[in-house]
Amino acid sequence: GAVSWQDKMEVEGRSVGVLLDQPWVPVEIAEIPFLAKVHFGETSYRLLISDLDTVWHEDMNREAINHRAQELNRRLKAPVASFFCHLCAVARPRLNGGAPEDVMAVFSQERLPHQLLVRLKSELAGVPFYWEFRCSPAPLSVVCEQLVRPLLSVSQVLQRQVQELMTLLGRKDAEIQDYRDNGAVLSRGEGTKFRIAEGLSVQCL
């Protein structure tokens, strides 16, 4: 039931672009806060979840989903598409940041030395349905791609905006000093008004 290297590369190839376009959203599981982003395909998914100390991930294809569904739900006999449709219906809202009360499923989590288990229990066709997201620590390349680089990009944009603002303020200061050097008197009203010695009034909103 494990995802092979070739299958994992196929899943990553299909979903990595979608995940990059998705924001990290706050998710609460058993009253524990996380950040998460998830992509559900037709019968595959890719999950990234973090507590800002560790980033975990799991990639699952159709075969692996079917194997785990049968492992955890031996009483249920249904096509993998039916299992997956139900899994999407109950897991996607929570993993997309929905309120716990909005999802008809019970979520829990357990941290093991090298794994994060996110369990859910719901009901499918009147029978209990169980699922486990078995997440392992994400490779450094995934952490950089999905978390570090976007944060650095945002930081660079903010730094440019600060520099532009400082430049603008510097120009305004120079204009104010120029007005003063030419005999302007600063007064307060609706905005900032300078009264030039020659009688010309200049108002800066």
Protein backbone atom coordinates (compact mmCIF):
# COMPACT_ATOMS: atom_id res chain seq x y z
CA GLY A 1 0.00 0.00 0.00
CA ALA A 2 3.01 2.32 0.19
CA VAL A 3 3.33 4.94 -2.52
CA SER A 4 6.21 4.11 -4.86
CA TRP A 5 8.79 6.70 -5.85
CA GLN A 6 7.35 6.88 -9.37
CA ASP A 7 3.79 7.31 -8.07
CA LYS A 8 4.92 9.96 -5.62
CA MET A 9 6.61 11.93 -8.38
CA GLU A 10 3.44 11.69 -10.47
CA VAL A 11 1.27 12.98 -7.62
CA GLU A 12 3.73 15.78 -6.85
CA GLY A 13 3.87 16.76 -10.51
CA ARG A 14 0.09 17.15 -10.66
CA SER A 15 -0.43 18.88 -7.33
CA VAL A 16 2.66 20.95 -6.58
CA GLY A 17 1.48 23.88 -8.72
CA VAL A 18 -1.95 23.83 -7.11
CA LEU A 19 -0.44 23.76 -3.62
CA LEU A 20 1.86 26.67 -4.41
CA ASP A 21 -1.17 28.73 -5.40
CA GLN A 22 -3.01 27.86 -2.18
CA PRO A 23 -2.47 29.78 1.05
CA TRP A 24 -1.61 28.10 4.32
CA VAL A 25 -4.79 28.12 6.41
CA PRO A 26 -5.17 27.76 10.19
CA VAL A 27 -6.58 24.37 11.13
CA GLU A 28 -7.59 23.15 14.56
CA ILE A 29 -7.41 19.42 15.28
CA ALA A 30 -8.39 18.25 18.75
CA GLU A 31 -7.89 21.84 20.00
CA ILE A 32 -4.31 21.88 18.64
CA PRO A 33 -3.54 24.66 16.12
CA PHE A 34 -1.86 23.81 12.83
CA LEU A 35 -1.31 25.37 9.42
CA ALA A 36 -2.28 23.24 6.46
CA LYS A 37 -2.73 23.11 2.72
CA VAL A 38 -4.22 20.19 0.85
CA HIS A 39 -4.97 19.21 -2.71
CA PHE A 40 -7.52 16.50 -3.52
CA GLY A 41 -7.38 15.06 -7.02
CA GLU A 42 -9.81 12.61 -8.56
CA THR A 43 -8.55 9.73 -6.38
CA SER A 44 -5.37 11.16 -4.89
CA TYR A 45 -4.34 13.81 -2.41
CA ARG A 46 -1.34 15.70 -1.16
CA LEU A 47 -1.36 17.12 2.36
CA LEU A 48 1.05 19.52 4.03
CA ILE A 49 0.53 20.35 7.70
CA SER A 50 2.72 22.21 10.17
CA ASP A 51 2.80 23.43 13.76
CA LEU A 52 5.61 25.87 12.75
CA ASP A 53 8.08 23.52 14.38
CA THR A 54 7.83 20.67 11.88
CA VAL A 55 6.26 20.37 8.45
CA TRP A 56 4.68 16.99 7.72
CA HIS A 57 3.38 15.70 4.42
CA GLU A 58 1.61 12.77 2.82
CA ASP A 59 1.07 11.91 -0.85
CA MET A 60 -1.48 9.22 -1.68
CA ASN A 61 -2.58 7.75 -4.99
CA ARG A 62 -5.58 5.61 -5.87
CA GLU A 63 -3.97 2.28 -5.00
CA ALA A 64 -2.68 3.46 -1.63
CA ILE A 65 -6.03 5.05 -0.73
CA ASN A 66 -7.87 1.84 -1.58
CA HIS A 67 -5.45 -0.25 0.51
CA ARG A 68 -5.76 1.99 3.57
CA ALA A 69 -9.53 2.28 3.27
CA GLN A 70 -9.82 -1.52 3.26
CA GLU A 71 -7.35 -1.80 6.14
CA LEU A 72 -9.28 0.61 8.36
CA ASN A 73 -12.82 -0.25 7.25
CA ARG A 74 -13.06 -4.01 6.84
CA ARG A 75 -16.85 -3.97 7.19
CA LEU A 76 -17.31 -1.62 4.25
CA LYS A 77 -17.28 -2.95 0.73
CA ALA A 78 -17.31 -0.17 -1.83
CA PRO A 79 -15.29 1.08 -4.82
CA VAL A 80 -12.34 3.29 -4.02
CA ALA A 81 -14.14 6.22 -5.67
CA SER A 82 -16.92 5.96 -3.08
CA PHE A 83 -14.45 5.88 -0.19
CA PHE A 84 -12.56 8.83 -1.60
CA CYS A 85 -15.67 10.90 -2.31
CA HIS A 86 -16.73 10.50 1.31
CA LEU A 87 -13.21 11.25 2.55
CA CYS A 88 -13.17 14.49 0.56
CA ALA A 89 -16.59 15.47 1.86
CA VAL A 90 -15.64 15.12 5.53
CA ALA A 91 -11.91 15.99 5.45
CA ARG A 92 -11.65 18.82 2.94
CA PRO A 93 -13.74 21.38 4.90
CA ARG A 94 -11.65 20.97 8.05
CA LEU A 95 -8.30 20.91 6.26
CA ASN A 96 -9.35 24.04 4.37
CA GLY A 97 -9.83 25.89 7.64
CA GLY A 98 -13.53 25.24 8.26
CA ALA A 99 -14.94 25.41 11.77
CA PRO A 100 -14.97 22.05 13.63
CA GLU A 101 -18.74 22.16 14.05
CA ASP A 102 -19.17 22.45 10.27
CA VAL A 103 -17.87 18.91 9.64
CA MET A 104 -19.75 15.71 10.46
CA ALA A 105 -16.60 13.92 11.60
CA VAL A 106 -14.49 13.59 14.72
CA PHE A 107 -10.81 14.46 14.29
CA SER A 108 -7.90 13.56 16.53
CA GLN A 109 -4.14 13.72 16.22
CA GLU A 110 -1.18 11.83 17.64
CA ARG A 111 2.47 12.73 17.33
CA LEU A 112 4.92 9.87 17.09
CA PRO A 113 8.73 10.20 16.93
CA HIS A 114 8.77 10.38 13.13
CA GLN A 115 5.12 10.67 12.20
CA LEU A 116 2.00 12.77 12.69
CA LEU A 117 -1.25 10.81 12.66
CA VAL A 118 -4.44 12.71 11.92
CA ARG A 119 -7.41 10.41 12.47
CA LEU A 120 -11.03 10.98 11.59
CA LYS A 121 -14.17 9.04 12.30
CA SER A 122 -17.43 9.59 10.47
CA GLU A 123 -20.27 7.55 9.05
CA LEU A 124 -20.74 6.16 5.54
CA ALA A 125 -24.00 4.41 4.59
CA GLY A 126 -24.86 3.93 8.25
CA VAL A 127 -21.52 2.26 9.06
CA PRO A 128 -18.60 3.90 10.89
CA PHE A 129 -15.91 5.15 8.52
CA TYR A 130 -12.32 5.61 9.69
CA TRP A 131 -9.35 7.29 8.06
CA GLU A 132 -5.78 8.12 9.05
CA PHE A 133 -3.53 10.71 7.47
CA ARG A 134 -0.08 9.23 8.19
CA CYS A 135 2.22 12.17 7.68
CA SER A 136 5.98 12.02 7.75
CA PRO A 137 8.43 14.95 8.09
CA ALA A 138 8.60 16.80 4.79
CA PRO A 139 11.93 16.92 2.93
CA LEU A 140 13.85 20.17 3.16
CA SER A 141 13.18 20.84 -0.53
CA VAL A 142 9.41 20.72 0.10
CA VAL A 143 9.69 23.00 3.16
CA CYS A 144 11.71 25.51 1.15
CA GLU A 145 9.37 25.33 -1.81
CA GLN A 146 6.09 25.56 0.08
CA LEU A 147 6.97 27.65 3.14
CA VAL A 148 10.39 29.35 3.15
CA ARG A 149 10.43 30.76 -0.39
CA PRO A 150 6.89 32.20 -0.21
CA LEU A 151 7.73 33.84 3.13
CA LEU A 152 10.94 35.30 1.70
CA SER A 153 9.01 36.62 -1.31
CA VAL A 154 6.47 38.32 0.97
CA SER A 155 9.31 39.74 3.07
CA GLN A 156 10.98 41.18 -0.02
CA VAL A 157 7.74 42.81 -1.16
CA LEU A 158 7.24 44.35 2.27
CA GLN A 159 10.81 45.61 2.32
CA ARG A 160 10.33 47.27 -1.09
CA GLN A 161 7.12 48.89 0.13
CA VAL A 162 8.92 50.22 3.22
CA GLN A 163 11.72 51.62 1.06
CA GLU A 164 9.20 53.28 -1.26
CA LEU A 165 7.41 54.78 1.73
CA MET A 166 10.68 56.05 3.21
CA THR A 167 11.57 57.61 -0.14
CA LEU A 168 8.15 59.29 -0.33
CA LEU A 169 8.45 60.61 3.22
CA GLY A 170 11.92 61.90 2.42
CA ARG A 171 10.55 63.84 -0.54
CA LYS A 172 7.74 65.28 1.57
CA ASP A 173 10.23 66.34 4.25
CA ALA A 174 12.32 68.03 1.59
CA GLU A 175 9.26 69.84 0.21
CA ILE A 176 8.28 71.01 3.70
CA GLN A 177 11.80 72.22 4.38
CA ASP A 178 11.83 74.01 1.03
CA TYR A 179 8.56 75.78 1.91
CA ARG A 180 10.02 76.84 5.26
CA ASP A 181 13.20 78.06 3.66
CA ASN A 182 11.03 80.28 1.45
CA GLY A 183 9.21 81.82 4.41
CA ALA A 184 6.22 79.51 4.67
CA VAL A 185 4.38 79.32 8.02
CA LEU A 186 2.84 75.99 8.99
CA SER A 187 -0.76 76.10 10.21
CA ARG A 188 -3.27 73.32 11.01
CA GLY A 189 -6.74 73.06 9.49
CA GLU A 190 -8.24 70.62 7.06
CA GLY A 191 -4.92 69.11 6.10
CA THR A 192 -1.59 70.92 6.35
CA LYS A 193 -1.53 74.50 5.00
CA PHE A 194 1.55 76.60 4.32
CA ARG A 195 1.25 80.38 4.12
CA ILE A 196 3.99 81.70 1.85
CA ALA A 197 5.37 85.16 2.57
CA GLU A 198 4.10 86.49 -0.79
CA GLY A 199 0.53 85.55 0.20
CA LEU A 200 0.26 82.27 -1.73
CA SER A 201 -1.38 79.45 0.25
CA VAL A 202 -0.44 75.82 -0.47
CA GLN A 203 -2.48 73.03 1.12
CA CYS A 204 -1.21 69.45 1.46
CA LEU A 205 -3.91 66.87 2.18
